[in-house]
Amino acid sequence: MKLLVTRILILSCLIRSQDKLIDTDLEYPVYKPVSTDRIISRRNYVDQLQGFWLGQCIANWTGLITEMDKIEHPFYTDANWGGPDQPNIWGNYVPSSNNIIDYYFIDKGGVWSADDDTDIEYMYQYLLDHHNVSILSPDQIREGWLNHIYSNENAPNSENFLWVSNESAYYLMKEGLVPPFTSEPENNSHYTMIDAQLTTEIFGLLSPARPDIALQMAHLPIRTTAKYDAEWISEFYVTMHSLASAVDDSLLIEKKIVWLAKEARKRLPDSAYSAKMYDFIEASYKANPDKNDWEKTRDEVYQRYQKNSTDGYSYQQPFDAGINFAASLISLFYGAGNLPRTIQIGTLAGWDSDNPTATWGGLLGFLLGKEGIKRAFNKSNFSDAYWIHRTRRNFPDHTPGMEGEDTFQLMARRGIYIIDRVVLEEMKGGVDLNKDVWYIPIIKN
């Protein structure tokens, strides 16, 4: 009987230790908090990170339905929502259940497929975890890209799911270059494209409430593919994601979005076209405050920037960092923190419509958490499974026997371990495993 009781106690301790979020590769020193430290619940953050991944996937796959359908007049309008999808500029339709422009969901029993709006971020999280570092080196980034991304020559169906600047950077890495040289204009003519905007937002979430650290972590990943305005726009997104943990929780979500955007605007140099775009779209939003006026602002953006090359911006491709930044701001302001509406506007706005939607789906999903997303869509049976090997390769299978290789919950838990290291090593803060909180030193501006 004593032996049985002992075994039960041991098993109980093992179960509790498995449930407790402890990185066995990390030392957790005793930390004496100070009154100015920001205290953030690690347990709540798990739900928020799950919301980030789920929100990104819903928005990414909804936006894919209209990706590259409309890059000039006539654009989609609200009247097209729920109507038939039209072919994109290559004459193709993105697969959906019925070729209808509507929210794209995967229910329990199914699996979310990786796409370029989530898979590079997944890779960066893996690399940080695998190397037990907070900031990736140029060689670690290059080795990670070459190990986990297909070339067109060895990809299944000759599709490596890379485009424009990502594609250029990958082949530059194959030639031996490392970041930031893979984004230098003399090496990569696509340095002005959108790529870094959709691959680096996660660094903001991995440095909660400390955008200064987040930008250090994201610097080389951003400079893998982007420079100048494309770089600054990416930093804008990283800043918003980091400050999502610092925004006043008593504010309505619409006010939270406004505060986050204004704070991130400080990262854009005033002389840059990206800053002038932001200022113009914010002013247009204030002048046309009705939530249905987004189409008017979108049409102004088309005339002002794509047709007239205003504010130093010169439109080159529908993959440009600039035009898609403008489209993303339209959906952000007019969506007003409402997740379904933000995704809807982003999907209808035009150009590379899956990328802005994925960015805001991830940010709003983080602010709402997984449970908040369920309430937003009045839907509770979302799939938690993720299939990274649809687009990338050589990752561990965390869910053997299940379709896909991972789950949002497992991805979120591993994110917590990375943040533990960031808090301890980069922020010089503390992790209290008993209270399950981070103590984050806040620096004054």
Protein backbone atom coordinates (compact mmCIF):
# COMPACT_ATOMS: atom_id res chain seq x y z
CA MET A 1 0.00 0.00 0.00
CA LYS A 2 2.85 2.41 0.88
CA LEU A 3 4.51 1.65 -2.45
CA LEU A 4 1.25 2.35 -4.29
CA VAL A 5 0.75 5.65 -2.45
CA THR A 6 4.36 6.64 -3.19
CA ARG A 7 3.91 5.93 -6.88
CA ILE A 8 0.70 7.96 -6.94
CA LEU A 9 2.46 10.91 -5.28
CA ILE A 10 5.36 10.71 -7.72
CA LEU A 11 2.97 10.58 -10.67
CA SER A 12 1.03 13.53 -9.25
CA CYS A 13 4.23 15.58 -8.92
CA LEU A 14 5.21 14.72 -12.47
CA ILE A 15 1.82 15.83 -13.78
CA ARG A 16 2.07 19.13 -11.88
CA SER A 17 5.61 19.79 -13.11
CA GLN A 18 4.56 19.06 -16.68
CA ASP A 19 1.68 21.52 -16.36
CA LYS A 20 3.96 24.14 -14.83
CA LEU A 21 5.70 26.24 -17.44
CA ILE A 22 9.38 25.63 -16.69
CA ASP A 23 12.17 25.70 -19.26
CA THR A 24 14.60 23.01 -18.15
CA ASP A 25 17.35 24.64 -20.23
CA LEU A 26 17.10 27.90 -18.30
CA GLU A 27 18.12 28.92 -14.79
CA TYR A 28 15.54 30.96 -12.89
CA PRO A 29 17.39 33.15 -10.36
CA VAL A 30 15.59 34.76 -7.44
CA TYR A 31 14.46 38.25 -8.39
CA LYS A 32 13.47 41.08 -6.09
CA PRO A 33 10.79 43.09 -7.87
CA VAL A 34 10.57 46.87 -7.64
CA SER A 35 7.44 48.98 -7.60
CA THR A 36 7.90 50.21 -11.16
CA ASP A 37 8.07 46.72 -12.67
CA ARG A 38 5.24 45.71 -14.95
CA ILE A 39 3.71 42.43 -13.81
CA ILE A 40 2.36 40.15 -16.56
CA SER A 41 0.69 36.77 -16.06
CA ARG A 42 2.46 33.99 -17.90
CA ARG A 43 -0.64 31.79 -17.73
CA ASN A 44 -2.83 34.44 -19.35
CA TYR A 45 -0.15 34.99 -21.98
CA VAL A 46 -0.53 31.38 -23.11
CA ASP A 47 -4.14 32.10 -24.03
CA GLN A 48 -3.12 35.33 -25.73
CA LEU A 49 -0.41 33.64 -27.81
CA GLN A 50 -2.92 31.01 -28.86
CA GLY A 51 -5.16 33.88 -29.88
CA PHE A 52 -2.31 35.32 -31.92
CA TRP A 53 -1.79 32.11 -33.92
CA LEU A 54 -5.51 31.41 -34.33
CA GLY A 55 -6.33 35.01 -35.27
CA GLN A 56 -3.51 35.06 -37.81
CA CYS A 57 -4.69 31.85 -39.44
CA ILE A 58 -8.33 32.93 -39.68
CA ALA A 59 -7.33 36.29 -41.16
CA ASN A 60 -4.60 34.90 -43.41
CA TRP A 61 -6.84 32.31 -45.03
CA THR A 62 -9.79 34.68 -45.29
CA GLY A 63 -7.58 37.28 -46.98
CA LEU A 64 -6.15 34.67 -49.34
CA ILE A 65 -9.54 34.33 -50.98
CA THR A 66 -9.13 37.81 -52.49
CA GLU A 67 -5.32 38.03 -52.64
CA MET A 68 -4.30 39.94 -55.78
CA ASP A 69 -7.87 40.01 -57.09
CA LYS A 70 -8.00 43.82 -57.08
CA ILE A 71 -4.97 46.04 -57.51
CA GLU A 72 -6.74 48.96 -59.22
CA HIS A 73 -10.24 50.21 -59.92
CA PRO A 74 -12.81 48.76 -59.75
CA PHE A 75 -12.05 47.48 -56.24
CA TYR A 76 -14.18 45.29 -54.03
CA THR A 77 -16.66 47.02 -51.72
CA ASP A 78 -18.74 45.88 -48.76
CA ALA A 79 -21.40 44.79 -51.26
CA ASN A 80 -19.04 42.01 -52.42
CA TRP A 81 -18.85 40.37 -49.00
CA GLY A 82 -20.66 37.05 -49.16
CA GLY A 83 -20.60 37.19 -52.96
CA PRO A 84 -18.52 35.28 -55.50
CA ASP A 85 -14.75 35.50 -55.47
CA GLN A 86 -13.22 36.83 -58.67
CA PRO A 87 -10.00 35.57 -60.27
CA ASN A 88 -6.73 37.14 -59.23
CA ILE A 89 -4.34 38.94 -61.56
CA TRP A 90 -2.97 35.57 -62.76
CA GLY A 91 -6.45 34.30 -63.56
CA ASN A 92 -6.56 31.89 -60.61
CA TYR A 93 -8.82 31.33 -57.64
CA VAL A 94 -7.40 30.59 -54.21
CA PRO A 95 -9.01 27.36 -53.00
CA SER A 96 -11.89 27.87 -50.61
CA SER A 97 -14.87 25.75 -49.81
CA ASN A 98 -17.20 27.50 -52.26
CA ASN A 99 -15.34 30.42 -53.94
CA ILE A 100 -17.36 32.83 -51.83
CA ILE A 101 -15.79 35.84 -50.12
CA ASP A 102 -16.41 35.01 -46.48
CA TYR A 103 -14.59 34.09 -43.28
CA TYR A 104 -12.44 31.00 -43.60
CA PHE A 105 -12.57 28.61 -40.66
CA ILE A 106 -11.05 25.24 -39.87
CA ASP A 107 -13.06 23.29 -37.31
CA LYS A 108 -11.90 20.73 -34.78
CA GLY A 109 -10.79 17.58 -36.54
CA GLY A 110 -9.20 19.62 -39.32
CA VAL A 111 -5.82 21.32 -39.43
CA TRP A 112 -4.73 24.86 -40.24
CA SER A 113 -2.26 24.91 -43.12
CA ALA A 114 0.91 26.96 -42.91
CA ASP A 115 1.29 29.90 -45.27
CA ASP A 116 3.95 32.56 -45.66
CA ASP A 117 2.16 34.82 -43.17
CA THR A 118 2.75 32.33 -40.36
CA ASP A 119 5.45 29.86 -41.33
CA ILE A 120 8.50 32.16 -41.20
CA GLU A 121 7.41 33.41 -37.78
CA TYR A 122 7.03 29.79 -36.73
CA MET A 123 10.58 29.16 -37.96
CA TYR A 124 11.99 32.14 -36.05
CA GLN A 125 10.31 31.00 -32.83
CA TYR A 126 11.75 27.53 -33.38
CA LEU A 127 15.24 28.88 -33.99
CA LEU A 128 15.18 30.97 -30.81
CA ASP A 129 14.03 27.94 -28.84
CA HIS A 130 16.42 25.53 -30.55
CA HIS A 131 19.49 27.70 -30.01
CA ASN A 132 18.41 28.89 -26.54
CA VAL A 133 19.02 32.51 -27.47
CA SER A 134 17.07 35.75 -27.43
CA ILE A 135 18.73 37.30 -30.47
CA LEU A 136 19.58 35.26 -33.55
CA SER A 137 22.96 35.69 -35.20
CA PRO A 138 23.37 36.18 -38.97
CA ASP A 139 24.66 32.62 -39.33
CA GLN A 140 21.80 31.16 -37.29
CA ILE A 141 19.30 32.93 -39.53
CA ARG A 142 21.02 31.76 -42.71
CA GLU A 143 21.33 28.16 -41.51
CA GLY A 144 17.71 28.20 -40.40
CA TRP A 145 16.48 29.46 -43.76
CA LEU A 146 18.50 26.91 -45.72
CA ASN A 147 17.49 24.03 -43.45
CA HIS A 148 13.77 24.78 -43.16
CA ILE A 149 12.89 26.40 -46.49
CA TYR A 150 12.79 24.58 -49.81
CA SER A 151 14.51 25.83 -52.90
CA ASN A 152 12.41 25.78 -56.03
CA GLU A 153 14.64 22.99 -57.29
CA ASN A 154 13.86 20.56 -54.46
CA ALA A 155 10.38 21.68 -53.37
CA PRO A 156 7.38 19.41 -53.83
CA ASN A 157 5.59 20.53 -57.01
CA SER A 158 8.41 23.07 -57.52
CA GLU A 159 6.74 25.48 -55.08
CA ASN A 160 8.81 26.81 -52.19
CA PHE A 161 6.23 29.37 -51.04
CA LEU A 162 8.64 32.29 -51.24
CA TRP A 163 8.04 35.48 -53.17
CA VAL A 164 9.82 38.71 -54.08
CA SER A 165 12.31 39.75 -51.39
CA ASN A 166 12.11 36.49 -49.42
CA GLU A 167 12.90 34.61 -52.61
CA SER A 168 15.84 36.86 -53.40
CA ALA A 169 17.22 36.66 -49.86
CA TYR A 170 16.99 32.87 -49.85
CA TYR A 171 19.08 32.49 -52.99
CA LEU A 172 21.56 35.07 -51.72
CA MET A 173 21.94 32.90 -48.62
CA LYS A 174 22.58 29.90 -50.83
CA GLU A 175 25.43 31.92 -52.33
CA GLY A 176 26.84 32.53 -48.84
CA LEU A 177 25.46 35.95 -47.88
CA VAL A 178 23.97 36.59 -44.44
CA PRO A 179 21.70 39.32 -43.08
CA PRO A 180 21.80 42.29 -43.29
CA PHE A 181 23.63 41.98 -46.61
CA THR A 182 20.70 39.98 -48.03
CA SER A 183 18.62 43.18 -47.94
CA GLU A 184 21.17 45.64 -49.28
CA PRO A 185 19.85 47.27 -52.46
CA GLU A 186 22.94 46.32 -54.46
CA ASN A 187 22.27 42.66 -53.65
CA ASN A 188 18.48 42.49 -53.42
CA SER A 189 16.43 44.68 -55.74
CA HIS A 190 13.24 43.69 -53.84
CA TYR A 191 14.25 45.33 -50.55
CA THR A 192 11.22 47.66 -50.84
CA MET A 193 8.69 44.82 -50.84
CA ILE A 194 6.26 43.66 -48.17
CA ASP A 195 8.07 40.51 -47.00
CA ALA A 196 9.44 41.57 -43.61
CA GLN A 197 6.05 42.93 -42.55
CA LEU A 198 4.54 39.45 -42.48
CA THR A 199 7.46 37.52 -41.00
CA THR A 200 8.60 39.49 -37.96
CA GLU A 201 5.61 40.73 -35.92
CA ILE A 202 6.08 37.86 -33.47
CA PHE A 203 9.24 39.44 -32.06
CA GLY A 204 7.02 42.11 -30.51
CA LEU A 205 5.06 39.49 -28.62
CA LEU A 206 8.25 37.76 -27.51
CA SER A 207 9.29 41.00 -25.77
CA PRO A 208 6.14 42.07 -23.92
CA ALA A 209 5.91 45.76 -23.05
CA ARG A 210 9.50 46.40 -24.16
CA PRO A 211 9.63 47.47 -27.81
CA ASP A 212 13.27 48.48 -27.38
CA ILE A 213 14.21 44.83 -26.81
CA ALA A 214 11.72 43.62 -29.44
CA LEU A 215 13.37 45.80 -32.08
CA GLN A 216 16.79 44.43 -31.18
CA MET A 217 15.46 40.89 -31.56
CA ALA A 218 13.74 41.71 -34.84
CA HIS A 219 16.53 43.78 -36.37
CA LEU A 220 18.34 41.09 -38.35
CA PRO A 221 15.18 39.15 -39.28
CA ILE A 222 13.78 42.39 -40.70
CA ARG A 223 17.04 43.24 -42.41
CA THR A 224 17.06 39.78 -43.97
CA THR A 225 14.71 41.19 -46.63
CA ALA A 226 13.93 44.87 -46.02
CA LYS A 227 15.58 48.26 -45.86
CA TYR A 228 14.45 51.86 -45.46
CA ASP A 229 10.64 52.27 -45.52
CA ALA A 230 10.01 48.53 -45.74
CA GLU A 231 12.21 48.13 -42.66
CA TRP A 232 10.54 50.98 -40.76
CA ILE A 233 7.05 49.67 -41.53
CA SER A 234 8.06 46.29 -40.16
CA GLU A 235 9.39 47.99 -37.02
CA PHE A 236 6.03 49.78 -36.73
CA TYR A 237 4.28 46.41 -36.57
CA VAL A 238 6.80 44.93 -34.11
CA THR A 239 6.37 47.96 -31.85
CA MET A 240 2.58 47.63 -31.83
CA HIS A 241 2.79 43.95 -30.94
CA SER A 242 5.19 44.59 -28.08
CA LEU A 243 3.16 47.47 -26.67
CA ALA A 244 0.01 45.34 -26.76
CA SER A 245 1.15 44.18 -23.31
CA ALA A 246 1.52 47.76 -22.07
CA VAL A 247 -1.72 49.31 -23.29
CA ASP A 248 -4.16 50.47 -20.59
CA ASP A 249 -6.44 47.50 -20.05
CA SER A 250 -9.30 49.74 -18.94
CA LEU A 251 -9.57 51.26 -22.43
CA LEU A 252 -12.12 50.07 -24.94
CA ILE A 253 -10.44 48.04 -27.65
CA GLU A 254 -10.95 50.81 -30.24
CA LYS A 255 -9.03 53.19 -27.98
CA LYS A 256 -6.34 50.57 -27.46
CA ILE A 257 -5.80 50.33 -31.21
CA VAL A 258 -5.54 54.11 -31.54
CA TRP A 259 -2.98 54.31 -28.71
CA LEU A 260 -0.89 51.46 -30.10
CA ALA A 261 -0.84 52.98 -33.57
CA LYS A 262 0.11 56.44 -32.31
CA GLU A 263 2.95 55.01 -30.23
CA ALA A 264 4.25 52.94 -33.15
CA ARG A 265 4.02 55.98 -35.45
CA LYS A 266 6.94 57.43 -33.46
CA ARG A 267 9.14 54.74 -35.00
CA LEU A 268 8.59 56.08 -38.53
CA PRO A 269 10.97 58.88 -39.57
CA ASP A 270 8.89 61.99 -40.27
CA SER A 271 10.56 62.43 -43.66
CA ALA A 272 9.73 58.87 -44.77
CA TYR A 273 6.84 58.17 -47.14
CA SER A 274 5.57 55.59 -44.64
CA ALA A 275 5.14 58.29 -41.99
CA LYS A 276 3.34 60.56 -44.44
CA MET A 277 1.09 57.67 -45.48
CA TYR A 278 0.19 57.06 -41.86
CA ASP A 279 -0.58 60.73 -41.27
CA PHE A 280 -2.70 60.99 -44.41
CA ILE A 281 -4.76 57.86 -43.65
CA GLU A 282 -5.26 58.87 -40.03
CA ALA A 283 -6.45 62.30 -41.19
CA SER A 284 -8.77 60.75 -43.79
CA TYR A 285 -10.21 58.46 -41.14
CA LYS A 286 -10.88 61.39 -38.83
CA ALA A 287 -12.47 63.35 -41.68
CA ASN A 288 -14.63 60.37 -42.64
CA PRO A 289 -15.44 58.81 -39.28
CA ASP A 290 -18.33 56.65 -40.38
CA LYS A 291 -17.20 53.02 -40.16
CA ASN A 292 -18.46 52.46 -43.72
CA ASP A 293 -16.30 55.25 -45.18
CA TRP A 294 -13.28 52.96 -45.52
CA GLU A 295 -13.95 52.58 -49.25
CA LYS A 296 -13.55 56.34 -49.70
CA THR A 297 -10.21 56.33 -47.90
CA ARG A 298 -9.07 53.29 -49.89
CA ASP A 299 -9.91 55.04 -53.14
CA GLU A 300 -8.03 58.15 -51.97
CA VAL A 301 -5.00 55.96 -51.23
CA TYR A 302 -5.16 54.47 -54.72
CA GLN A 303 -5.26 57.90 -56.38
CA ARG A 304 -2.75 59.57 -54.09
CA TYR A 305 -0.09 56.87 -53.96
CA GLN A 306 -0.51 54.34 -56.76
CA LYS A 307 -1.56 56.78 -59.47
CA ASN A 308 0.06 60.06 -58.38
CA SER A 309 3.20 58.90 -56.50
CA THR A 310 2.63 61.38 -53.67
CA ASP A 311 4.84 61.88 -50.59
CA GLY A 312 7.90 60.36 -52.22
CA TYR A 313 6.28 56.97 -52.75
CA SER A 314 6.58 55.35 -56.15
CA TYR A 315 4.37 52.32 -56.72
CA GLN A 316 6.22 49.41 -58.31
CA GLN A 317 4.32 46.17 -57.64
CA PRO A 318 1.21 45.09 -55.73
CA PHE A 319 3.68 43.47 -53.30
CA ASP A 320 5.12 46.86 -52.32
CA ALA A 321 5.61 47.52 -48.63
CA GLY A 322 4.03 50.96 -49.06
CA ILE A 323 0.69 50.27 -50.73
CA ASN A 324 0.04 47.33 -48.45
CA PHE A 325 0.95 49.36 -45.36
CA ALA A 326 -1.64 51.90 -46.47
CA ALA A 327 -4.25 49.18 -46.99
CA SER A 328 -3.47 47.71 -43.57
CA LEU A 329 -3.98 51.06 -41.84
CA ILE A 330 -7.38 51.45 -43.48
CA SER A 331 -8.55 48.13 -42.04
CA LEU A 332 -6.97 48.92 -38.68
CA PHE A 333 -8.61 52.31 -38.20
CA TYR A 334 -12.00 51.50 -39.67
CA GLY A 335 -12.08 48.05 -38.09
CA ALA A 336 -11.85 49.86 -34.76
CA GLY A 337 -10.69 46.80 -32.85
CA ASN A 338 -13.56 44.63 -34.04
CA LEU A 339 -11.79 41.46 -35.22
CA PRO A 340 -14.36 40.20 -37.76
CA ARG A 341 -14.85 43.69 -39.24
CA THR A 342 -11.10 44.36 -39.43
CA ILE A 343 -10.59 41.09 -41.32
CA GLN A 344 -13.54 41.88 -43.58
CA ILE A 345 -12.22 45.32 -44.55
CA GLY A 346 -8.68 44.00 -45.04
CA THR A 347 -9.97 41.21 -47.27
CA LEU A 348 -11.92 43.64 -49.47
CA ALA A 349 -9.38 46.49 -49.50
CA GLY A 350 -7.26 45.07 -52.34
CA TRP A 351 -3.65 44.32 -53.27
CA ASP A 352 -1.89 41.63 -51.20
CA SER A 353 -4.95 41.28 -49.00
CA ASP A 354 -3.94 38.27 -46.93
CA ASN A 355 -0.93 40.01 -45.40
CA PRO A 356 -2.52 43.05 -43.67
CA THR A 357 -5.39 40.85 -42.53
CA ALA A 358 -2.98 38.33 -41.01
CA THR A 359 -1.08 41.08 -39.20
CA TRP A 360 -4.18 42.54 -37.56
CA GLY A 361 -5.76 39.12 -37.06
CA GLY A 362 -2.69 38.20 -35.04
CA LEU A 363 -2.57 41.44 -33.03
CA LEU A 364 -6.29 41.54 -32.27
CA GLY A 365 -6.24 37.80 -31.61
CA PHE A 366 -3.52 38.40 -29.04
CA LEU A 367 -5.46 41.23 -27.38
CA LEU A 368 -8.62 39.10 -27.27
CA GLY A 369 -7.02 35.75 -26.49
CA LYS A 370 -8.26 32.45 -27.81
CA GLU A 371 -11.46 32.63 -25.78
CA GLY A 372 -12.10 36.19 -26.97
CA ILE A 373 -11.84 35.08 -30.60
CA LYS A 374 -14.48 32.45 -29.95
CA ARG A 375 -16.80 35.12 -28.59
CA ALA A 376 -16.03 37.52 -31.46
CA PHE A 377 -17.17 34.97 -34.03
CA ASN A 378 -19.73 33.27 -31.76
CA LYS A 379 -18.01 30.02 -32.59
CA SER A 380 -16.31 27.55 -30.26
CA ASN A 381 -15.06 24.64 -32.33
CA PHE A 382 -11.96 26.08 -33.99
CA SER A 383 -9.19 23.64 -34.80
CA ASP A 384 -6.00 23.99 -32.76
CA ALA A 385 -3.83 21.90 -35.11
CA TYR A 386 -1.15 23.39 -37.36
CA TRP A 387 0.52 21.85 -40.43
CA ILE A 388 3.91 23.54 -40.79
CA HIS A 389 5.21 21.00 -43.28
CA ARG A 390 2.74 22.18 -45.91
CA THR A 391 5.21 24.93 -46.76
CA ARG A 392 8.38 24.36 -44.68
CA ARG A 393 10.47 21.36 -43.71
CA ASN A 394 12.61 19.63 -41.08
CA PHE A 395 10.65 20.55 -37.96
CA PRO A 396 9.91 18.16 -35.08
CA ASP A 397 6.52 16.46 -35.06
CA HIS A 398 5.02 17.54 -31.74
CA THR A 399 1.76 15.69 -32.38
CA PRO A 400 2.59 12.19 -33.70
CA GLY A 401 -0.52 10.32 -34.71
CA MET A 402 -2.34 13.56 -35.52
CA GLU A 403 -2.60 15.44 -38.78
CA GLY A 404 -0.17 18.33 -38.71
CA GLU A 405 2.93 18.64 -36.55
CA ASP A 406 1.90 21.10 -33.85
CA THR A 407 -0.90 22.85 -31.99
CA PHE A 408 -1.42 26.48 -31.09
CA GLN A 409 -1.33 25.55 -27.41
CA LEU A 410 2.06 23.86 -27.71
CA MET A 411 3.38 26.72 -29.84
CA ALA A 412 2.21 29.20 -27.18
CA ARG A 413 3.84 27.26 -24.35
CA ARG A 414 7.18 27.23 -26.15
CA GLY A 415 6.77 30.96 -26.71
CA ILE A 416 6.58 31.40 -22.93
CA TYR A 417 10.01 29.79 -22.55
CA ILE A 418 11.51 32.19 -25.06
CA ILE A 419 9.99 35.14 -23.21
CA ASP A 420 11.39 33.78 -19.92
CA ARG A 421 14.86 34.00 -21.42
CA VAL A 422 14.23 37.46 -22.88
CA VAL A 423 12.96 38.77 -19.53
CA LEU A 424 15.93 37.34 -17.64
CA GLU A 425 18.78 37.93 -20.07
CA GLU A 426 17.77 40.99 -22.09
CA MET A 427 15.42 42.91 -19.77
CA LYS A 428 17.21 41.93 -16.52
CA GLY A 429 13.80 41.27 -15.03
CA GLY A 430 12.41 38.32 -13.15
CA VAL A 431 10.26 35.22 -13.51
CA ASP A 432 8.28 34.05 -10.49
CA LEU A 433 7.35 30.43 -11.18
CA ASN A 434 5.15 30.18 -8.10
CA LYS A 435 3.07 33.25 -8.90
CA ASP A 436 3.45 32.45 -12.63
CA VAL A 437 4.30 36.04 -13.57
CA TRP A 438 7.01 38.08 -15.24
CA TYR A 439 8.47 41.18 -13.64
CA ILE A 440 9.40 43.48 -16.49
CA PRO A 441 11.52 46.55 -15.78
CA ILE A 442 10.08 49.52 -17.60
CA ILE A 443 12.42 52.16 -18.92
CA LYS A 444 11.35 55.79 -19.23
CA ASN A 445 11.32 57.34 -22.68
